[in-house]
PDB file of N, CA and C in Angstrom:
ATOM      1  N   UNK A   1       0.848  -1.169   0.000  1.00  0.00           N
ATOM      2  CA  UNK A   1       0.000   0.000   0.000  1.00  0.00           C
ATOM      3  C   UNK A   1       0.888   1.224   0.000  1.00  0.00           C
ATOM      4  N   UNK A   2       0.458   2.203  -0.741  1.00  0.00           N
ATOM      5  CA  UNK A   2       1.287   3.389  -0.879  1.00  0.00           C
ATOM      6  C   UNK A   2       0.467   4.651  -0.620  1.00  0.00           C
ATOM      7  N   UNK A   3       1.214   5.739  -0.401  1.00  0.00           N
ATOM      8  CA  UNK A   3       0.563   7.028  -0.210  1.00  0.00           C
ATOM      9  C   UNK A   3      -0.193   7.441  -1.469  1.00  0.00           C
ATOM     10  N   UNK A   4       0.331   7.072  -2.651  1.00  0.00           N
ATOM     11  CA  UNK A   4      -0.346   7.409  -3.904  1.00  0.00           C
ATOM     12  C   UNK A   4      -1.702   6.711  -3.995  1.00  0.00           C
ATOM     13  N   UNK A   5      -1.745   5.437  -3.629  1.00  0.00           N
ATOM     14  CA  UNK A   5      -3.026   4.717  -3.672  1.00  0.00           C
ATOM     15  C   UNK A   5      -3.993   5.329  -2.666  1.00  0.00           C
ATOM     16  N   UNK A   6      -3.496   5.682  -1.493  1.00  0.00           N
ATOM     17  CA  UNK A   6      -4.352   6.312  -0.490  1.00  0.00           C
ATOM     18  C   UNK A   6      -4.932   7.615  -1.025  1.00  0.00           C
ATOM     19  N   UNK A   7      -4.131   8.415  -1.708  1.00  0.00           N
ATOM     20  CA  UNK A   7      -4.641   9.656  -2.290  1.00  0.00           C
ATOM     21  C   UNK A   7      -5.742   9.364  -3.309  1.00  0.00           C
ATOM     22  N   UNK A   8      -5.556   8.327  -4.108  1.00  0.00           N
ATOM     23  CA  UNK A   8      -6.582   7.949  -5.079  1.00  0.00           C
ATOM     24  C   UNK A   8      -7.867   7.516  -4.408  1.00  0.00           C
ATOM     25  N   UNK A   9      -7.739   6.713  -3.348  1.00  0.00           N
ATOM     26  CA  UNK A   9      -8.916   6.248  -2.612  1.00  0.00           C
ATOM     27  C   UNK A   9      -9.635   7.431  -1.987  1.00  0.00           C
ATOM     28  N   UNK A  10      -8.886   8.343  -1.396  1.00  0.00           N
ATOM     29  CA  UNK A  10      -9.512   9.525  -0.793  1.00  0.00           C
ATOM     30  C   UNK A  10     -10.237  10.365  -1.844  1.00  0.00           C
ATOM     31  N   UNK A  11      -9.620  10.524  -3.007  1.00  0.00           N
ATOM     32  CA  UNK A  11     -10.249  11.288  -4.079  1.00  0.00           C
ATOM     33  C   UNK A  11     -11.573  10.654  -4.482  1.00  0.00           C
ATOM     34  N   UNK A  12     -11.560   9.358  -4.696  1.00  0.00           N
ATOM     35  CA  UNK A  12     -12.783   8.653  -5.102  1.00  0.00           C
ATOM     36  C   UNK A  12     -13.841   8.747  -4.006  1.00  0.00           C
ATOM     37  N   UNK A  13     -13.420   8.637  -2.742  1.00  0.00           N
ATOM     38  CA  UNK A  13     -14.388   8.728  -1.636  1.00  0.00           C
ATOM     39  C   UNK A  13     -15.044  10.097  -1.568  1.00  0.00           C
ATOM     40  N   UNK A  14     -14.313  11.142  -1.933  1.00  0.00           N
ATOM     41  CA  UNK A  14     -14.883  12.487  -1.864  1.00  0.00           C
ATOM     42  C   UNK A  14     -15.544  12.908  -3.175  1.00  0.00           C
ATOM     43  N   UNK A  15     -15.347  12.139  -4.236  1.00  0.00           N
ATOM     44  CA  UNK A  15     -15.939  12.443  -5.545  1.00  0.00           C
ATOM     45  C   UNK A  15     -16.593  11.183  -6.128  1.00  0.00           C
ATOM     46  N   UNK A  16     -17.649  10.681  -5.495  1.00  0.00           N
ATOM     47  CA  UNK A  16     -18.262   9.437  -5.968  1.00  0.00           C
ATOM     48  C   UNK A  16     -18.801   9.516  -7.394  1.00  0.00           C
ATOM     49  N   UNK A  17     -19.127  10.713  -7.855  1.00  0.00           N
ATOM     50  CA  UNK A  17     -19.632  10.828  -9.229  1.00  0.00           C
ATOM     51  C   UNK A  17     -18.555  10.458 -10.242  1.00  0.00           C
ATOM     52  N   UNK A  18     -17.300  10.703  -9.904  1.00  0.00           N
ATOM     53  CA  UNK A  18     -16.195  10.315 -10.789  1.00  0.00           C
ATOM     54  C   UNK A  18     -16.156   8.796 -10.919  1.00  0.00           C
ATOM     55  N   UNK A  19     -16.293   8.106  -9.793  1.00  0.00           N
ATOM     56  CA  UNK A  19     -16.286   6.644  -9.827  1.00  0.00           C
ATOM     57  C   UNK A  19     -17.461   6.122 -10.651  1.00  0.00           C
ATOM     58  N   UNK A  20     -18.631   6.710 -10.463  1.00  0.00           N
ATOM     59  CA  UNK A  20     -19.798   6.267 -11.235  1.00  0.00           C
ATOM     60  C   UNK A  20     -19.556   6.462 -12.732  1.00  0.00           C
ATOM     61  N   UNK A  21     -18.989   7.603 -13.104  1.00  0.00           N
ATOM     62  CA  UNK A  21     -18.719   7.890 -14.511  1.00  0.00           C
ATOM     63  C   UNK A  21     -17.707   6.911 -15.082  1.00  0.00           C
ATOM     64  N   UNK A  22     -16.641   6.681 -14.352  1.00  0.00           N
ATOM     65  CA  UNK A  22     -15.611   5.740 -14.802  1.00  0.00           C
ATOM     66  C   UNK A  22     -16.193   4.337 -14.896  1.00  0.00           C
ATOM     67  N   UNK A  23     -16.943   3.936 -13.893  1.00  0.00           N
ATOM     68  CA  UNK A  23     -17.521   2.591 -13.878  1.00  0.00           C
ATOM     69  C   UNK A  23     -18.497   2.401 -15.036  1.00  0.00           C
ATOM     70  N   UNK A  24     -19.279   3.424 -15.349  1.00  0.00           N
ATOM     71  CA  UNK A  24     -20.228   3.315 -16.467  1.00  0.00           C
ATOM     72  C   UNK A  24     -19.483   3.196 -17.787  1.00  0.00           C
ATOM     73  N   UNK A  25     -18.425   3.970 -17.924  1.00  0.00           N
ATOM     74  CA  UNK A  25     -17.642   3.923 -19.160  1.00  0.00           C
ATOM     75  C   UNK A  25     -16.863   2.626 -19.307  1.00  0.00           C
ATOM     76  N   UNK A  26     -16.478   2.039 -18.192  1.00  0.00           N
ATOM     77  CA  UNK A  26     -15.663   0.830 -18.234  1.00  0.00           C
ATOM     78  C   UNK A  26     -16.513  -0.428 -18.160  1.00  0.00           C
ATOM     79  N   UNK A  27     -17.811  -0.274 -18.031  1.00  0.00           N
ATOM     80  CA  UNK A  27     -18.656  -1.458 -17.857  1.00  0.00           C
ATOM     81  C   UNK A  27     -18.333  -2.120 -16.534  1.00  0.00           C
ATOM     82  N   UNK A  28     -18.045  -3.400 -16.558  1.00  0.00           N
ATOM     83  CA  UNK A  28     -17.706  -4.129 -15.332  1.00  0.00           C
ATOM     84  C   UNK A  28     -16.195  -4.210 -15.128  1.00  0.00           C
ATOM     85  N   UNK A  29     -15.412  -3.400 -15.824  1.00  0.00           N
ATOM     86  CA  UNK A  29     -13.958  -3.525 -15.791  1.00  0.00           C
ATOM     87  C   UNK A  29     -13.391  -3.409 -14.382  1.00  0.00           C
ATOM     88  N   UNK A  30     -13.929  -2.502 -13.558  1.00  0.00           N
ATOM     89  CA  UNK A  30     -13.391  -2.335 -12.208  1.00  0.00           C
ATOM     90  C   UNK A  30     -13.649  -3.583 -11.381  1.00  0.00           C
ATOM     91  N   UNK A  31     -14.881  -4.049 -11.356  1.00  0.00           N
ATOM     92  CA  UNK A  31     -15.203  -5.268 -10.623  1.00  0.00           C
ATOM     93  C   UNK A  31     -14.516  -6.482 -11.208  1.00  0.00           C
ATOM     94  N   UNK A  32     -14.401  -6.513 -12.529  1.00  0.00           N
ATOM     95  CA  UNK A  32     -13.731  -7.633 -13.183  1.00  0.00           C
ATOM     96  C   UNK A  32     -12.263  -7.694 -12.792  1.00  0.00           C
ATOM     97  N   UNK A  33     -11.627  -6.542 -12.629  1.00  0.00           N
ATOM     98  CA  UNK A  33     -10.220  -6.524 -12.227  1.00  0.00           C
ATOM     99  C   UNK A  33     -10.043  -7.138 -10.844  1.00  0.00           C
ATOM    100  N   UNK A  34     -10.931  -6.794  -9.912  1.00  0.00           N
ATOM    101  CA  UNK A  34     -10.859  -7.374  -8.575  1.00  0.00           C
ATOM    102  C   UNK A  34     -11.074  -8.875  -8.649  1.00  0.00           C
ATOM    103  N   UNK A  35     -12.057  -9.284  -9.443  1.00  0.00           N
ATOM    104  CA  UNK A  35     -12.325 -10.716  -9.602  1.00  0.00           C
ATOM    105  C   UNK A  35     -11.108 -11.438 -10.175  1.00  0.00           C
ATOM    106  N   UNK A  36     -10.433 -10.822 -11.122  1.00  0.00           N
ATOM    107  CA  UNK A  36      -9.259 -11.446 -11.735  1.00  0.00           C
ATOM    108  C   UNK A  36      -8.147 -11.631 -10.699  1.00  0.00           C
ATOM    109  N   UNK A  37      -7.932 -10.622  -9.859  1.00  0.00           N
ATOM    110  CA  UNK A  37      -6.904 -10.734  -8.818  1.00  0.00           C
ATOM    111  C   UNK A  37      -7.283 -11.821  -7.818  1.00  0.00           C
ATOM    112  N   UNK A  38      -8.546 -11.863  -7.416  1.00  0.00           N
ATOM    113  CA  UNK A  38      -9.006 -12.890  -6.471  1.00  0.00           C
ATOM    114  C   UNK A  38      -8.799 -14.277  -7.078  1.00  0.00           C
ATOM    115  N   UNK A  39      -9.094 -14.432  -8.358  1.00  0.00           N
ATOM    116  CA  UNK A  39      -8.893 -15.718  -9.041  1.00  0.00           C
ATOM    117  C   UNK A  39      -7.429 -16.153  -8.963  1.00  0.00           C
ATOM    118  N   UNK A  40      -6.524 -15.218  -9.234  1.00  0.00           N
ATOM    119  CA  UNK A  40      -5.092 -15.546  -9.209  1.00  0.00           C
ATOM    120  C   UNK A  40      -4.645 -15.869  -7.794  1.00  0.00           C
ATOM    121  N   UNK A  41      -5.032 -15.052  -6.839  1.00  0.00           N
ATOM    122  CA  UNK A  41      -4.596 -15.235  -5.451  1.00  0.00           C
ATOM    123  C   UNK A  41      -5.120 -16.536  -4.857  1.00  0.00           C
ATOM    124  N   UNK A  42      -6.352 -16.883  -5.189  1.00  0.00           N
ATOM    125  CA  UNK A  42      -6.960 -18.088  -4.612  1.00  0.00           C
ATOM    126  C   UNK A  42      -6.806 -19.308  -5.506  1.00  0.00           C
ATOM    127  N   UNK A  43      -6.162 -19.140  -6.646  1.00  0.00           N
ATOM    128  CA  UNK A  43      -6.003 -20.207  -7.641  1.00  0.00           C
ATOM    129  C   UNK A  43      -7.364 -20.711  -8.109  1.00  0.00           C
ATOM    130  N   UNK A  44      -8.401 -19.877  -7.959  1.00  0.00           N
ATOM    131  CA  UNK A  44      -9.723 -20.195  -8.453  1.00  0.00           C
ATOM    132  C   UNK A  44     -10.428 -21.330  -7.746  1.00  0.00           C
ATOM    133  N   UNK A  45      -9.842 -21.833  -6.675  1.00  0.00           N
ATOM    134  CA  UNK A  45     -10.410 -23.010  -6.018  1.00  0.00           C
ATOM    135  C   UNK A  45     -10.489 -22.775  -4.516  1.00  0.00           C
ATOM    136  N   UNK A  46     -11.559 -22.115  -4.090  1.00  0.00           N
ATOM    137  CA  UNK A  46     -11.722 -21.898  -2.658  1.00  0.00           C
ATOM    138  C   UNK A  46     -13.193 -21.672  -2.333  1.00  0.00           C
ATOM    139  N   UNK A  47     -13.468 -21.694  -1.059  1.00  0.00           N
ATOM    140  CA  UNK A  47     -14.842 -21.518  -0.601  1.00  0.00           C
ATOM    141  C   UNK A  47     -15.274 -20.058  -0.767  1.00  0.00           C
ATOM    142  N   UNK A  48     -16.565 -19.818  -0.759  1.00  0.00           N
ATOM    143  CA  UNK A  48     -17.053 -18.433  -0.809  1.00  0.00           C
ATOM    144  C   UNK A  48     -16.490 -17.585   0.339  1.00  0.00           C
ATOM    145  N   UNK A  49     -16.344 -18.191   1.525  1.00  0.00           N
ATOM    146  CA  UNK A  49     -15.784 -17.450   2.663  1.00  0.00           C
ATOM    147  C   UNK A  49     -14.358 -16.990   2.371  1.00  0.00           C
ATOM    148  N   UNK A  50     -13.537 -17.863   1.800  1.00  0.00           N
ATOM    149  CA  UNK A  50     -12.160 -17.485   1.454  1.00  0.00           C
ATOM    150  C   UNK A  50     -12.137 -16.402   0.383  1.00  0.00           C
ATOM    151  N   UNK A  51     -13.054 -16.478  -0.564  1.00  0.00           N
ATOM    152  CA  UNK A  51     -13.124 -15.440  -1.595  1.00  0.00           C
ATOM    153  C   UNK A  51     -13.457 -14.088  -0.975  1.00  0.00           C
ATOM    154  N   UNK A  52     -14.404 -14.077  -0.048  1.00  0.00           N
ATOM    155  CA  UNK A  52     -14.787 -12.836   0.628  1.00  0.00           C
ATOM    156  C   UNK A  52     -13.617 -12.290   1.442  1.00  0.00           C
ATOM    157  N   UNK A  53     -12.956 -13.143   2.205  1.00  0.00           N
ATOM    158  CA  UNK A  53     -11.810 -12.699   3.006  1.00  0.00           C
ATOM    159  C   UNK A  53     -10.692 -12.156   2.118  1.00  0.00           C
ATOM    160  N   UNK A  54     -10.469 -12.793   0.977  1.00  0.00           N
ATOM    161  CA  UNK A  54      -9.446 -12.314   0.048  1.00  0.00           C
ATOM    162  C   UNK A  54      -9.804 -10.930  -0.468  1.00  0.00           C
ATOM    163  N   UNK A  55     -11.069 -10.746  -0.843  1.00  0.00           N
ATOM    164  CA  UNK A  55     -11.512  -9.419  -1.298  1.00  0.00           C
ATOM    165  C   UNK A  55     -11.350  -8.382  -0.184  1.00  0.00           C
ATOM    166  N   UNK A  56     -11.696  -8.766   1.039  1.00  0.00           N
ATOM    167  CA  UNK A  56     -11.572  -7.840   2.170  1.00  0.00           C
ATOM    168  C   UNK A  56     -10.119  -7.413   2.373  1.00  0.00           C
ATOM    169  N   UNK A  57      -9.196  -8.352   2.274  1.00  0.00           N
ATOM    170  CA  UNK A  57      -7.778  -8.010   2.430  1.00  0.00           C
ATOM    171  C   UNK A  57      -7.349  -7.032   1.339  1.00  0.00           C
ATOM    172  N   UNK A  58      -7.771  -7.293   0.105  1.00  0.00           N
ATOM    173  CA  UNK A  58      -7.397  -6.424  -1.006  1.00  0.00           C
ATOM    174  C   UNK A  58      -8.005  -5.028  -0.884  1.00  0.00           C
ATOM    175  N   UNK A  59      -9.176  -4.925  -0.274  1.00  0.00           N
ATOM    176  CA  UNK A  59      -9.862  -3.640  -0.157  1.00  0.00           C
ATOM    177  C   UNK A  59      -9.638  -2.949   1.188  1.00  0.00           C
ATOM    178  N   UNK A  60      -8.698  -3.452   1.975  1.00  0.00           N
ATOM    179  CA  UNK A  60      -8.478  -2.875   3.310  1.00  0.00           C
ATOM    180  C   UNK A  60      -8.080  -1.406   3.256  1.00  0.00           C
ATOM    181  N   UNK A  61      -7.361  -0.975   2.225  1.00  0.00           N
ATOM    182  CA  UNK A  61      -6.979   0.435   2.128  1.00  0.00           C
ATOM    183  C   UNK A  61      -8.214   1.295   1.912  1.00  0.00           C
ATOM    184  N   UNK A  62      -9.178   0.806   1.147  1.00  0.00           N
ATOM    185  CA  UNK A  62     -10.416   1.565   0.941  1.00  0.00           C
ATOM    186  C   UNK A  62     -11.173   1.728   2.254  1.00  0.00           C
ATOM    187  N   UNK A  63     -11.268   0.643   3.014  1.00  0.00           N
ATOM    188  CA  UNK A  63     -11.981   0.694   4.293  1.00  0.00           C
ATOM    189  C   UNK A  63     -11.281   1.639   5.272  1.00  0.00           C
ATOM    190  N   UNK A  64      -9.964   1.567   5.326  1.00  0.00           N
ATOM    191  CA  UNK A  64      -9.220   2.434   6.246  1.00  0.00           C
ATOM    192  C   UNK A  64      -9.391   3.906   5.870  1.00  0.00           C
ATOM    193  N   UNK A  65      -9.311   4.213   4.587  1.00  0.00           N
ATOM    194  CA  UNK A  65      -9.470   5.606   4.151  1.00  0.00           C
ATOM    195  C   UNK A  65     -10.873   6.118   4.448  1.00  0.00           C
ATOM    196  N   UNK A  66     -11.872   5.287   4.207  1.00  0.00           N
ATOM    197  CA  UNK A  66     -13.256   5.702   4.462  1.00  0.00           C
ATOM    198  C   UNK A  66     -13.508   5.955   5.940  1.00  0.00           C
ATOM    199  N   UNK A  67     -13.031   5.063   6.781  1.00  0.00           N
ATOM    200  CA  UNK A  67     -13.304   5.220   8.212  1.00  0.00           C
ATOM    201  C   UNK A  67     -12.443   6.293   8.861  1.00  0.00           C
ATOM    202  N   UNK A  68     -11.382   6.710   8.192  1.00  0.00           N
ATOM    203  CA  UNK A  68     -10.537   7.776   8.739  1.00  0.00           C
ATOM    204  C   UNK A  68     -11.046   9.169   8.382  1.00  0.00           C
ATOM    205  N   UNK A  69     -12.017   9.230   7.460  1.00  0.00           N
ATOM    206  CA  UNK A  69     -12.560  10.532   7.073  1.00  0.00           C
ATOM    207  C   UNK A  69     -13.054  11.290   8.291  1.00  0.00           C
ATOM    208  N   UNK A  70     -12.723  12.560   8.348  1.00  0.00           N
ATOM    209  CA  UNK A  70     -13.168  13.403   9.447  1.00  0.00           C
ATOM    210  C   UNK A  70     -12.323  13.291  10.697  1.00  0.00           C
ATOM    211  N   UNK A  71     -11.262  12.501  10.638  1.00  0.00           N
ATOM    212  CA  UNK A  71     -10.352  12.389  11.780  1.00  0.00           C
ATOM    213  C   UNK A  71      -9.046  13.099  11.443  1.00  0.00           C
ATOM    214  N   UNK A  72      -8.180  13.200  12.408  1.00  0.00           N
ATOM    215  CA  UNK A  72      -6.872  13.824  12.196  1.00  0.00           C
ATOM    216  C   UNK A  72      -5.816  12.796  11.801  1.00  0.00           C
ATOM    217  N   UNK A  73      -6.253  11.640  11.321  1.00  0.00           N
ATOM    218  CA  UNK A  73      -5.321  10.573  10.971  1.00  0.00           C
ATOM    219  C   UNK A  73      -4.416  10.990   9.820  1.00  0.00           C
ATOM    220  N   UNK A  74      -3.145  10.638   9.946  1.00  0.00           N
ATOM    221  CA  UNK A  74      -2.190  10.912   8.874  1.00  0.00           C
ATOM    222  C   UNK A  74      -2.279   9.798   7.830  1.00  0.00           C
ATOM    223  N   UNK A  75      -1.738  10.065   6.667  1.00  0.00           N
ATOM    224  CA  UNK A  75      -1.673   9.045   5.637  1.00  0.00           C
ATOM    225  C   UNK A  75      -0.930   7.818   6.114  1.00  0.00           C
ATOM    226  N   UNK A  76       0.140   8.040   6.850  1.00  0.00           N
ATOM    227  CA  UNK A  76       0.935   6.922   7.365  1.00  0.00           C
ATOM    228  C   UNK A  76       0.121   6.064   8.326  1.00  0.00           C
ATOM    229  N   UNK A  77      -0.677   6.705   9.173  1.00  0.00           N
ATOM    230  CA  UNK A  77      -1.506   5.960  10.127  1.00  0.00           C
ATOM    231  C   UNK A  77      -2.583   5.154   9.403  1.00  0.00           C
ATOM    232  N   UNK A  78      -3.148   5.738   8.361  1.00  0.00           N
ATOM    233  CA  UNK A  78      -4.178   5.038   7.599  1.00  0.00           C
ATOM    234  C   UNK A  78      -3.576   3.827   6.893  1.00  0.00           C
ATOM    235  N   UNK A  79      -2.434   4.007   6.275  1.00  0.00           N
ATOM    236  CA  UNK A  79      -1.757   2.898   5.592  1.00  0.00           C
ATOM    237  C   UNK A  79      -1.382   1.813   6.585  1.00  0.00           C
ATOM    238  N   UNK A  80      -0.886   2.202   7.761  1.00  0.00           N
ATOM    239  CA  UNK A  80      -0.525   1.214   8.787  1.00  0.00           C
ATOM    240  C   UNK A  80      -1.754   0.438   9.252  1.00  0.00           C
ATOM    241  N   UNK A  81      -2.868   1.135   9.425  1.00  0.00           N
ATOM    242  CA  UNK A  81      -4.102   0.456   9.849  1.00  0.00           C
ATOM    243  C   UNK A  81      -4.593  -0.503   8.765  1.00  0.00           C
ATOM    244  N   UNK A  82      -4.520  -0.074   7.514  1.00  0.00           N
ATOM    245  CA  UNK A  82      -4.935  -0.945   6.406  1.00  0.00           C
ATOM    246  C   UNK A  82      -4.051  -2.181   6.339  1.00  0.00           C
ATOM    247  N   UNK A  83      -2.762  -1.986   6.512  1.00  0.00           N
ATOM    248  CA  UNK A  83      -1.831  -3.119   6.485  1.00  0.00           C
ATOM    249  C   UNK A  83      -2.123  -4.077   7.642  1.00  0.00           C
ATOM    250  N   UNK A  84      -2.400  -3.542   8.829  1.00  0.00           N
ATOM    251  CA  UNK A  84      -2.708  -4.400   9.986  1.00  0.00           C
ATOM    252  C   UNK A  84      -3.989  -5.201   9.732  1.00  0.00           C
ATOM    253  N   UNK A  85      -4.995  -4.549   9.131  1.00  0.00           N
ATOM    254  CA  UNK A  85      -6.242  -5.251   8.827  1.00  0.00           C
ATOM    255  C   UNK A  85      -5.999  -6.348   7.792  1.00  0.00           C
ATOM    256  N   UNK A  86      -5.266  -6.032   6.755  1.00  0.00           N
ATOM    257  CA  UNK A  86      -4.964  -7.036   5.722  1.00  0.00           C
ATOM    258  C   UNK A  86      -4.172  -8.192   6.316  1.00  0.00           C
ATOM    259  N   UNK A  87      -3.193  -7.883   7.171  1.00  0.00           N
ATOM    260  CA  UNK A  87      -2.402  -8.946   7.819  1.00  0.00           C
ATOM    261  C   UNK A  87      -3.284  -9.858   8.675  1.00  0.00           C
ATOM    262  N   UNK A  88      -4.229  -9.264   9.405  1.00  0.00           N
ATOM    263  CA  UNK A  88      -5.133 -10.064  10.239  1.00  0.00           C
ATOM    264  C   UNK A  88      -6.011 -10.978   9.378  1.00  0.00           C
ATOM    265  N   UNK A  89      -6.497 -10.434   8.270  1.00  0.00           N
ATOM    266  CA  UNK A  89      -7.337 -11.240   7.386  1.00  0.00           C
ATOM    267  C   UNK A  89      -6.509 -12.358   6.750  1.00  0.00           C
ATOM    268  N   UNK A  90      -5.311 -12.029   6.320  1.00  0.00           N
ATOM    269  CA  UNK A  90      -4.438 -13.040   5.727  1.00  0.00           C
ATOM    270  C   UNK A  90      -4.114 -14.128   6.744  1.00  0.00           C
ATOM    271  N   UNK A  91      -3.927 -13.739   7.999  1.00  0.00           N
ATOM    272  CA  UNK A  91      -3.705 -14.722   9.060  1.00  0.00           C
ATOM    273  C   UNK A  91      -4.890 -15.667   9.191  1.00  0.00           C
ATOM    274  N   UNK A  92      -6.093 -15.114   9.095  1.00  0.00           N
ATOM    275  CA  UNK A  92      -7.300 -15.956   9.163  1.00  0.00           C
ATOM    276  C   UNK A  92      -7.362 -16.903   7.966  1.00  0.00           C
ATOM    277  N   UNK A  93      -6.962 -16.418   6.801  1.00  0.00           N
ATOM    278  CA  UNK A  93      -6.940 -17.261   5.609  1.00  0.00           C
ATOM    279  C   UNK A  93      -5.944 -18.412   5.770  1.00  0.00           C
ATOM    280  N   UNK A  94      -4.797 -18.098   6.346  1.00  0.00           N
ATOM    281  CA  UNK A  94      -3.772 -19.128   6.535  1.00  0.00           C
ATOM    282  C   UNK A  94      -4.212 -20.199   7.528  1.00  0.00           C
ATOM    283  N   UNK A  95      -5.018 -19.804   8.509  1.00  0.00           N
ATOM    284  CA  UNK A  95      -5.483 -20.772   9.519  1.00  0.00           C
ATOM    285  C   UNK A  95      -6.628 -21.640   9.021  1.00  0.00           C
ATOM    286  N   UNK A  96      -7.335 -21.165   7.991  1.00  0.00           N
ATOM    287  CA  UNK A  96      -8.503 -21.933   7.531  1.00  0.00           C
ATOM    288  C   UNK A  96      -8.147 -22.903   6.430  1.00  0.00           C
TER     289      UNK A  96
END
């Protein structure tokens, strides 16, 4: 996770119309990209629960940026929180 990605996530969170416009123009390309990464990471052979956990780990930066809105959190703190969340989810994946 990088500061550049965090800036992009923050921009999209504050300008949802941009995301809607991009998503409409791209069709399902945004969702398809996430699905493609999940397929590669899970080797296409896992339970629905593992697929959900994998998606959650990949989207942890989005969740951290959204929940940090309106706080005095620094970019570094948000990235650290996202990384901790992803690590916890990955740990759960490894145990299952």
